[in-house]
N, C-alpha and C. Protein backbone atom coordinates (compact mmCIF):
# COMPACT_ATOMS: atom_id res chain seq x y z
N UNK A 1 6.34 -36.26 10.43
CA UNK A 1 5.03 -35.84 10.00
C UNK A 1 4.95 -34.31 10.05
N UNK A 2 4.37 -33.73 9.00
CA UNK A 2 4.24 -32.27 8.91
C UNK A 2 2.99 -31.81 9.65
N UNK A 3 3.15 -30.76 10.44
CA UNK A 3 2.00 -30.16 11.10
C UNK A 3 2.02 -28.65 10.85
N UNK A 4 0.89 -28.05 10.59
CA UNK A 4 0.86 -26.61 10.33
C UNK A 4 1.19 -25.80 11.58
N UNK A 5 1.76 -24.63 11.36
CA UNK A 5 2.08 -23.74 12.46
C UNK A 5 0.82 -23.21 13.12
N UNK A 6 0.88 -22.99 14.40
CA UNK A 6 -0.25 -22.45 15.13
C UNK A 6 0.03 -21.05 15.67
N UNK A 7 1.18 -20.48 15.32
CA UNK A 7 1.58 -19.19 15.88
C UNK A 7 0.69 -18.03 15.45
N UNK A 8 0.61 -17.81 14.14
CA UNK A 8 -0.05 -16.61 13.64
C UNK A 8 -1.05 -16.97 12.55
N UNK A 9 -2.00 -16.08 12.38
CA UNK A 9 -2.97 -16.23 11.32
C UNK A 9 -2.47 -15.43 10.12
N UNK A 10 -2.36 -16.06 8.99
CA UNK A 10 -1.85 -15.40 7.80
C UNK A 10 -2.85 -15.55 6.66
N UNK A 11 -3.19 -14.45 6.03
CA UNK A 11 -4.13 -14.49 4.92
C UNK A 11 -3.39 -14.76 3.61
N UNK A 12 -2.26 -14.14 3.42
CA UNK A 12 -1.52 -14.32 2.17
C UNK A 12 -0.20 -13.60 2.20
N UNK A 13 0.41 -13.50 1.04
CA UNK A 13 1.70 -12.86 0.90
C UNK A 13 1.60 -11.62 0.05
N UNK A 14 2.49 -10.70 0.32
CA UNK A 14 2.59 -9.53 -0.53
C UNK A 14 3.99 -9.53 -1.13
N UNK A 15 4.05 -9.56 -2.43
CA UNK A 15 5.33 -9.63 -3.12
C UNK A 15 6.00 -8.27 -3.19
N UNK A 16 7.31 -8.30 -3.38
CA UNK A 16 8.10 -7.09 -3.49
C UNK A 16 7.71 -6.30 -4.72
N UNK A 17 7.70 -4.99 -4.61
CA UNK A 17 7.47 -4.11 -5.75
C UNK A 17 8.59 -3.09 -5.77
N UNK A 18 9.31 -3.04 -6.85
CA UNK A 18 10.41 -2.11 -7.04
C UNK A 18 9.87 -0.69 -7.14
N UNK A 19 10.54 0.30 -6.55
CA UNK A 19 10.08 1.69 -6.68
C UNK A 19 9.96 2.15 -8.14
N UNK A 20 10.70 1.53 -9.03
CA UNK A 20 10.62 1.90 -10.44
C UNK A 20 9.38 1.33 -11.12
N UNK A 21 8.62 0.48 -10.43
CA UNK A 21 7.43 -0.12 -11.04
C UNK A 21 6.21 0.79 -10.99
N UNK A 22 6.38 2.00 -10.51
CA UNK A 22 5.31 3.00 -10.56
C UNK A 22 4.17 2.74 -9.62
N UNK A 23 2.95 2.77 -10.16
CA UNK A 23 1.75 2.66 -9.34
C UNK A 23 1.70 1.37 -8.53
N UNK A 24 2.29 0.31 -9.03
CA UNK A 24 2.32 -0.95 -8.27
C UNK A 24 3.04 -0.76 -6.94
N UNK A 25 4.15 -0.03 -6.96
CA UNK A 25 4.90 0.24 -5.74
C UNK A 25 4.07 1.05 -4.75
N UNK A 26 3.41 2.10 -5.24
CA UNK A 26 2.61 2.96 -4.37
C UNK A 26 1.40 2.22 -3.82
N UNK A 27 0.81 1.35 -4.61
CA UNK A 27 -0.30 0.52 -4.14
C UNK A 27 0.18 -0.38 -3.00
N UNK A 28 1.32 -1.01 -3.17
CA UNK A 28 1.87 -1.88 -2.13
C UNK A 28 2.15 -1.09 -0.85
N UNK A 29 2.69 0.11 -1.02
CA UNK A 29 2.98 0.96 0.13
C UNK A 29 1.70 1.29 0.90
N UNK A 30 0.65 1.63 0.19
CA UNK A 30 -0.63 1.92 0.85
C UNK A 30 -1.20 0.69 1.54
N UNK A 31 -1.08 -0.47 0.91
CA UNK A 31 -1.62 -1.69 1.49
C UNK A 31 -0.89 -2.10 2.77
N UNK A 32 0.38 -1.73 2.89
CA UNK A 32 1.12 -2.07 4.11
C UNK A 32 0.78 -1.14 5.26
N UNK A 33 0.21 0.03 4.97
CA UNK A 33 -0.07 1.02 6.00
C UNK A 33 -1.54 1.04 6.41
N UNK A 34 -2.44 0.94 5.45
CA UNK A 34 -3.87 1.06 5.73
C UNK A 34 -4.46 -0.23 6.28
N UNK A 35 -5.37 -0.09 7.19
CA UNK A 35 -6.06 -1.25 7.77
C UNK A 35 -7.48 -1.31 7.23
N UNK A 36 -7.83 -2.41 6.59
CA UNK A 36 -9.20 -2.66 6.18
C UNK A 36 -9.77 -1.88 5.02
N UNK A 37 -8.99 -1.51 4.01
CA UNK A 37 -9.62 -0.84 2.86
C UNK A 37 -10.52 -1.84 2.13
N UNK A 38 -11.65 -1.36 1.64
CA UNK A 38 -12.60 -2.26 0.98
C UNK A 38 -12.72 -2.00 -0.51
N UNK A 39 -12.04 -0.97 -1.01
CA UNK A 39 -12.11 -0.67 -2.43
C UNK A 39 -10.88 0.13 -2.85
N UNK A 40 -10.73 0.26 -4.18
CA UNK A 40 -9.64 1.08 -4.71
C UNK A 40 -9.83 2.52 -4.27
N UNK A 41 -11.08 2.96 -4.21
CA UNK A 41 -11.38 4.33 -3.80
C UNK A 41 -10.93 4.59 -2.37
N UNK A 42 -11.07 3.60 -1.50
CA UNK A 42 -10.60 3.75 -0.11
C UNK A 42 -9.09 3.98 -0.06
N UNK A 43 -8.37 3.31 -0.94
CA UNK A 43 -6.92 3.46 -0.96
C UNK A 43 -6.50 4.83 -1.48
N UNK A 44 -7.29 5.40 -2.38
CA UNK A 44 -6.94 6.69 -2.98
C UNK A 44 -7.51 7.87 -2.22
N UNK A 45 -8.28 7.64 -1.17
CA UNK A 45 -8.90 8.73 -0.41
C UNK A 45 -8.14 8.98 0.89
N UNK A 46 -8.06 10.26 1.25
CA UNK A 46 -7.44 10.65 2.51
C UNK A 46 -8.03 11.99 2.94
N UNK A 47 -8.53 12.05 4.16
CA UNK A 47 -9.15 13.26 4.72
C UNK A 47 -10.19 13.86 3.78
N UNK A 48 -11.11 13.02 3.33
CA UNK A 48 -12.23 13.40 2.46
C UNK A 48 -11.81 13.97 1.11
N UNK A 49 -10.61 13.66 0.66
CA UNK A 49 -10.14 14.04 -0.68
C UNK A 49 -9.80 12.77 -1.43
N UNK A 50 -10.33 12.64 -2.65
CA UNK A 50 -10.01 11.48 -3.49
C UNK A 50 -8.92 11.89 -4.47
N UNK A 51 -7.84 11.15 -4.44
CA UNK A 51 -6.72 11.41 -5.34
C UNK A 51 -6.82 10.52 -6.56
N UNK A 52 -6.23 10.98 -7.67
CA UNK A 52 -6.33 10.24 -8.94
C UNK A 52 -5.40 9.05 -9.00
N UNK A 53 -4.28 9.11 -8.30
CA UNK A 53 -3.30 8.03 -8.36
C UNK A 53 -2.91 7.59 -6.96
N UNK A 54 -2.35 6.39 -6.88
CA UNK A 54 -1.85 5.89 -5.60
C UNK A 54 -0.67 6.73 -5.13
N UNK A 55 0.12 7.21 -6.06
CA UNK A 55 1.28 8.04 -5.72
C UNK A 55 0.83 9.32 -5.02
N UNK A 56 -0.19 9.98 -5.57
CA UNK A 56 -0.72 11.20 -4.95
C UNK A 56 -1.25 10.91 -3.55
N UNK A 57 -1.90 9.76 -3.38
CA UNK A 57 -2.42 9.38 -2.06
C UNK A 57 -1.29 9.15 -1.06
N UNK A 58 -0.20 8.54 -1.51
CA UNK A 58 0.96 8.32 -0.64
C UNK A 58 1.58 9.64 -0.21
N UNK A 59 1.69 10.57 -1.14
CA UNK A 59 2.26 11.88 -0.83
C UNK A 59 1.37 12.61 0.18
N UNK A 60 0.06 12.56 -0.03
CA UNK A 60 -0.88 13.23 0.88
C UNK A 60 -0.80 12.65 2.28
N UNK A 61 -0.59 11.36 2.40
CA UNK A 61 -0.51 10.70 3.71
C UNK A 61 0.85 10.90 4.38
N UNK A 62 1.80 11.48 3.66
CA UNK A 62 3.12 11.70 4.23
C UNK A 62 3.99 10.46 4.21
N UNK A 63 3.69 9.51 3.33
CA UNK A 63 4.48 8.28 3.25
C UNK A 63 5.76 8.48 2.46
N UNK A 64 5.85 9.57 1.73
CA UNK A 64 7.06 9.90 0.96
C UNK A 64 7.56 11.26 1.41
N UNK A 65 8.85 11.42 1.42
CA UNK A 65 9.44 12.71 1.80
C UNK A 65 9.02 13.81 0.84
N UNK A 66 9.17 13.53 -0.44
CA UNK A 66 8.73 14.47 -1.47
C UNK A 66 8.48 13.69 -2.75
N UNK A 67 8.13 14.39 -3.81
CA UNK A 67 7.76 13.73 -5.06
C UNK A 67 8.94 13.04 -5.72
N UNK A 68 10.17 13.41 -5.38
CA UNK A 68 11.35 12.87 -6.05
C UNK A 68 11.98 11.69 -5.33
N UNK A 69 11.46 11.32 -4.17
CA UNK A 69 12.08 10.25 -3.39
C UNK A 69 12.13 8.94 -4.15
N UNK A 70 11.07 8.55 -4.83
CA UNK A 70 11.02 7.27 -5.53
C UNK A 70 10.83 7.43 -7.03
N UNK A 71 11.16 8.57 -7.58
CA UNK A 71 11.00 8.71 -9.04
C UNK A 71 12.33 8.87 -9.72
């Protein structure tokens, strides 16, 4: 008989995003680091600055060494 696991609470899965997939990759990177974002704007904001792209937000947060790391 199958019984569900009781170890951890899981909301869902996050699929792999290739660095060549552009903004999808940077969005996934932000989602793995940030806790509790409630909007797209929350993901693109850092230290009271709103960035135009997820890539710019990742660079501002120091998640990438430089602009050429994943391009």
